[in-house]
Amino acid sequence: MKEQESNLLKRITIIPGLMGGKPTIRGNRFTVIDILELLSSGMTKEEILEEHPILENEDITAALLFSAKQLRDDYIFE
């Protein structure tokens, strides 16, 4: 894994008891799924960052990278 990817993935935390153990951004109450839903609703990165100042640009990139890796590693085609 590239160092840049590794650093991005460190932003994703899974803490039992926080948000039901779902992957969150830097231990905050903001999940990877939240970011994906905002993007899929049509919001741009800039709009998300403006509306949610707790987030950083790298958090959004990390959420996308984490999701892609999860699908690549765990998704089973039938």
N, C-alpha and C. Protein backbone atom coordinates (compact mmCIF):
# COMPACT_ATOMS: atom_id res chain seq x y z
N MET A 1 0.85 -1.18 0.00
CA MET A 1 0.00 0.00 0.00
C MET A 1 0.89 1.24 0.00
N LYS A 2 0.51 2.19 -0.78
CA LYS A 2 1.27 3.42 -0.84
C LYS A 2 1.16 4.17 0.47
N GLU A 3 2.18 4.93 0.79
CA GLU A 3 2.18 5.70 2.03
C GLU A 3 1.02 6.69 2.08
N GLN A 4 0.74 7.32 0.95
CA GLN A 4 -0.36 8.28 0.90
C GLN A 4 -1.69 7.60 1.23
N GLU A 5 -1.92 6.41 0.66
CA GLU A 5 -3.14 5.67 0.95
C GLU A 5 -3.20 5.29 2.42
N SER A 6 -2.08 4.86 2.95
CA SER A 6 -2.02 4.47 4.36
C SER A 6 -2.38 5.65 5.26
N ASN A 7 -1.83 6.81 4.95
CA ASN A 7 -2.13 8.01 5.75
C ASN A 7 -3.60 8.39 5.65
N LEU A 8 -4.18 8.25 4.48
CA LEU A 8 -5.61 8.56 4.32
C LEU A 8 -6.45 7.59 5.14
N LEU A 9 -6.12 6.31 5.08
CA LEU A 9 -6.92 5.31 5.78
C LEU A 9 -6.83 5.44 7.30
N LYS A 10 -5.79 6.08 7.80
CA LYS A 10 -5.68 6.33 9.23
C LYS A 10 -6.77 7.28 9.72
N ARG A 11 -7.38 8.02 8.80
CA ARG A 11 -8.46 8.94 9.15
C ARG A 11 -9.76 8.19 9.45
N ILE A 12 -9.84 6.95 9.00
CA ILE A 12 -11.03 6.14 9.21
C ILE A 12 -10.84 5.34 10.50
N THR A 13 -11.78 5.52 11.42
CA THR A 13 -11.68 4.83 12.71
C THR A 13 -12.93 4.00 12.95
N ILE A 14 -12.72 2.86 13.57
CA ILE A 14 -13.83 2.01 13.98
C ILE A 14 -13.69 1.83 15.48
N ILE A 15 -14.62 2.43 16.19
CA ILE A 15 -14.59 2.43 17.65
C ILE A 15 -15.87 1.77 18.16
N PRO A 16 -15.73 0.61 18.83
CA PRO A 16 -16.94 -0.03 19.36
C PRO A 16 -17.73 0.96 20.23
N GLY A 17 -19.02 0.98 20.01
CA GLY A 17 -19.88 1.87 20.79
C GLY A 17 -20.09 3.24 20.18
N LEU A 18 -19.24 3.62 19.24
CA LEU A 18 -19.40 4.91 18.56
C LEU A 18 -20.10 4.66 17.23
N MET A 19 -21.26 5.22 17.08
CA MET A 19 -22.05 5.09 15.85
C MET A 19 -22.27 3.61 15.47
N GLY A 20 -22.47 2.81 16.49
CA GLY A 20 -22.76 1.40 16.25
C GLY A 20 -21.59 0.62 15.69
N GLY A 21 -20.37 1.13 15.88
CA GLY A 21 -19.18 0.45 15.37
C GLY A 21 -18.93 0.65 13.89
N LYS A 22 -19.71 1.56 13.28
CA LYS A 22 -19.50 1.85 11.86
C LYS A 22 -18.23 2.67 11.67
N PRO A 23 -17.61 2.58 10.50
CA PRO A 23 -16.42 3.38 10.23
C PRO A 23 -16.75 4.87 10.28
N THR A 24 -15.98 5.60 11.07
CA THR A 24 -16.19 7.04 11.22
C THR A 24 -14.95 7.80 10.78
N ILE A 25 -15.11 9.10 10.69
CA ILE A 25 -14.03 9.99 10.30
C ILE A 25 -13.34 10.53 11.55
N ARG A 26 -12.10 10.16 11.73
CA ARG A 26 -11.25 10.65 12.82
C ARG A 26 -11.91 10.57 14.19
N GLY A 27 -12.67 9.51 14.44
CA GLY A 27 -13.28 9.33 15.75
C GLY A 27 -14.44 10.25 16.04
N ASN A 28 -14.90 10.98 15.04
CA ASN A 28 -16.05 11.87 15.20
C ASN A 28 -17.34 11.11 14.91
N ARG A 29 -18.43 11.73 15.18
CA ARG A 29 -19.73 11.11 14.92
C ARG A 29 -20.18 11.37 13.48
N PHE A 30 -19.27 11.20 12.57
CA PHE A 30 -19.54 11.39 11.15
C PHE A 30 -19.05 10.13 10.45
N THR A 31 -19.96 9.35 9.87
CA THR A 31 -19.58 8.06 9.30
C THR A 31 -19.17 8.16 7.83
N VAL A 32 -18.48 7.14 7.39
CA VAL A 32 -18.13 7.02 5.97
C VAL A 32 -19.41 7.00 5.15
N ILE A 33 -20.41 6.30 5.64
CA ILE A 33 -21.69 6.24 4.92
C ILE A 33 -22.30 7.63 4.77
N ASP A 34 -22.19 8.46 5.80
CA ASP A 34 -22.71 9.83 5.70
C ASP A 34 -22.09 10.56 4.51
N ILE A 35 -20.79 10.43 4.37
CA ILE A 35 -20.10 11.11 3.27
C ILE A 35 -20.55 10.55 1.92
N LEU A 36 -20.65 9.23 1.82
CA LEU A 36 -21.09 8.63 0.56
C LEU A 36 -22.50 9.07 0.19
N GLU A 37 -23.37 9.15 1.18
CA GLU A 37 -24.75 9.60 0.91
C GLU A 37 -24.80 11.05 0.46
N LEU A 38 -23.97 11.89 1.06
CA LEU A 38 -23.93 13.29 0.64
C LEU A 38 -23.44 13.41 -0.80
N LEU A 39 -22.39 12.66 -1.13
CA LEU A 39 -21.87 12.69 -2.50
C LEU A 39 -22.90 12.14 -3.49
N SER A 40 -23.57 11.05 -3.11
CA SER A 40 -24.54 10.45 -4.03
C SER A 40 -25.78 11.32 -4.20
N SER A 41 -26.02 12.23 -3.26
CA SER A 41 -27.15 13.15 -3.39
C SER A 41 -26.85 14.27 -4.37
N GLY A 42 -25.58 14.33 -4.80
CA GLY A 42 -25.20 15.36 -5.77
C GLY A 42 -24.36 16.48 -5.20
N MET A 43 -24.12 16.45 -3.90
CA MET A 43 -23.28 17.50 -3.32
C MET A 43 -21.83 17.35 -3.78
N THR A 44 -21.18 18.46 -3.98
CA THR A 44 -19.76 18.44 -4.32
C THR A 44 -18.94 18.39 -3.02
N LYS A 45 -17.66 18.08 -3.18
CA LYS A 45 -16.77 18.11 -2.02
C LYS A 45 -16.81 19.48 -1.35
N GLU A 46 -16.77 20.50 -2.17
CA GLU A 46 -16.76 21.87 -1.64
C GLU A 46 -18.02 22.17 -0.83
N GLU A 47 -19.17 21.72 -1.33
CA GLU A 47 -20.42 21.95 -0.62
C GLU A 47 -20.45 21.20 0.71
N ILE A 48 -19.96 19.98 0.69
CA ILE A 48 -19.92 19.18 1.92
C ILE A 48 -19.02 19.84 2.94
N LEU A 49 -17.85 20.29 2.52
CA LEU A 49 -16.91 20.92 3.44
C LEU A 49 -17.48 22.23 4.01
N GLU A 50 -18.20 22.96 3.18
CA GLU A 50 -18.79 24.21 3.65
C GLU A 50 -19.91 23.95 4.66
N GLU A 51 -20.71 22.93 4.39
CA GLU A 51 -21.84 22.62 5.27
C GLU A 51 -21.42 21.90 6.55
N HIS A 52 -20.29 21.19 6.50
CA HIS A 52 -19.81 20.40 7.64
C HIS A 52 -18.35 20.77 7.93
N PRO A 53 -18.13 21.87 8.63
CA PRO A 53 -16.76 22.36 8.85
C PRO A 53 -15.87 21.42 9.67
N ILE A 54 -16.45 20.42 10.32
CA ILE A 54 -15.64 19.44 11.05
C ILE A 54 -14.83 18.57 10.08
N LEU A 55 -15.29 18.49 8.84
CA LEU A 55 -14.62 17.65 7.84
C LEU A 55 -13.52 18.41 7.12
N GLU A 56 -12.55 17.63 6.65
CA GLU A 56 -11.46 18.16 5.83
C GLU A 56 -11.50 17.44 4.48
N ASN A 57 -10.92 18.06 3.48
CA ASN A 57 -10.91 17.49 2.13
C ASN A 57 -10.39 16.05 2.15
N GLU A 58 -9.34 15.80 2.92
CA GLU A 58 -8.75 14.47 2.99
C GLU A 58 -9.70 13.45 3.60
N ASP A 59 -10.63 13.90 4.44
CA ASP A 59 -11.61 12.99 5.02
C ASP A 59 -12.52 12.41 3.94
N ILE A 60 -12.91 13.24 3.01
CA ILE A 60 -13.78 12.78 1.92
C ILE A 60 -13.02 11.81 1.03
N THR A 61 -11.78 12.14 0.71
CA THR A 61 -10.95 11.24 -0.09
C THR A 61 -10.74 9.92 0.64
N ALA A 62 -10.52 9.98 1.94
CA ALA A 62 -10.33 8.77 2.74
C ALA A 62 -11.58 7.90 2.74
N ALA A 63 -12.75 8.52 2.83
CA ALA A 63 -14.00 7.76 2.82
C ALA A 63 -14.18 7.04 1.49
N LEU A 64 -13.85 7.70 0.40
CA LEU A 64 -13.95 7.07 -0.91
C LEU A 64 -12.95 5.93 -1.06
N LEU A 65 -11.73 6.15 -0.62
CA LEU A 65 -10.70 5.12 -0.70
C LEU A 65 -11.09 3.91 0.15
N PHE A 66 -11.52 4.15 1.38
CA PHE A 66 -11.94 3.08 2.28
C PHE A 66 -13.05 2.26 1.64
N SER A 67 -14.04 2.93 1.08
CA SER A 67 -15.17 2.24 0.46
C SER A 67 -14.73 1.41 -0.74
N ALA A 68 -13.88 1.97 -1.57
CA ALA A 68 -13.39 1.24 -2.73
C ALA A 68 -12.62 -0.01 -2.31
N LYS A 69 -11.79 0.12 -1.30
CA LYS A 69 -11.02 -1.03 -0.82
C LYS A 69 -11.93 -2.09 -0.21
N GLN A 70 -12.95 -1.66 0.52
CA GLN A 70 -13.90 -2.61 1.10
C GLN A 70 -14.60 -3.40 -0.01
N LEU A 71 -15.05 -2.72 -1.03
CA LEU A 71 -15.73 -3.39 -2.13
C LEU A 71 -14.78 -4.31 -2.89
N ARG A 72 -13.57 -3.85 -3.13
CA ARG A 72 -12.61 -4.65 -3.86
C ARG A 72 -12.28 -5.92 -3.09
N ASP A 73 -12.13 -5.81 -1.77
CA ASP A 73 -11.69 -6.93 -0.97
C ASP A 73 -12.82 -7.86 -0.55
N ASP A 74 -14.02 -7.34 -0.39
CA ASP A 74 -15.08 -8.12 0.23
C ASP A 74 -16.27 -8.44 -0.68
N TYR A 75 -16.40 -7.76 -1.78
CA TYR A 75 -17.58 -7.94 -2.61
C TYR A 75 -17.50 -9.25 -3.37
N ILE A 76 -18.58 -10.02 -3.33
CA ILE A 76 -18.64 -11.30 -4.03
C ILE A 76 -19.66 -11.17 -5.15
N PHE A 77 -19.20 -11.43 -6.39
CA PHE A 77 -20.09 -11.38 -7.53
C PHE A 77 -20.78 -12.73 -7.67
N GLU A 78 -22.07 -12.70 -7.96
CA GLU A 78 -22.81 -13.95 -8.15
C GLU A 78 -23.26 -14.08 -9.58
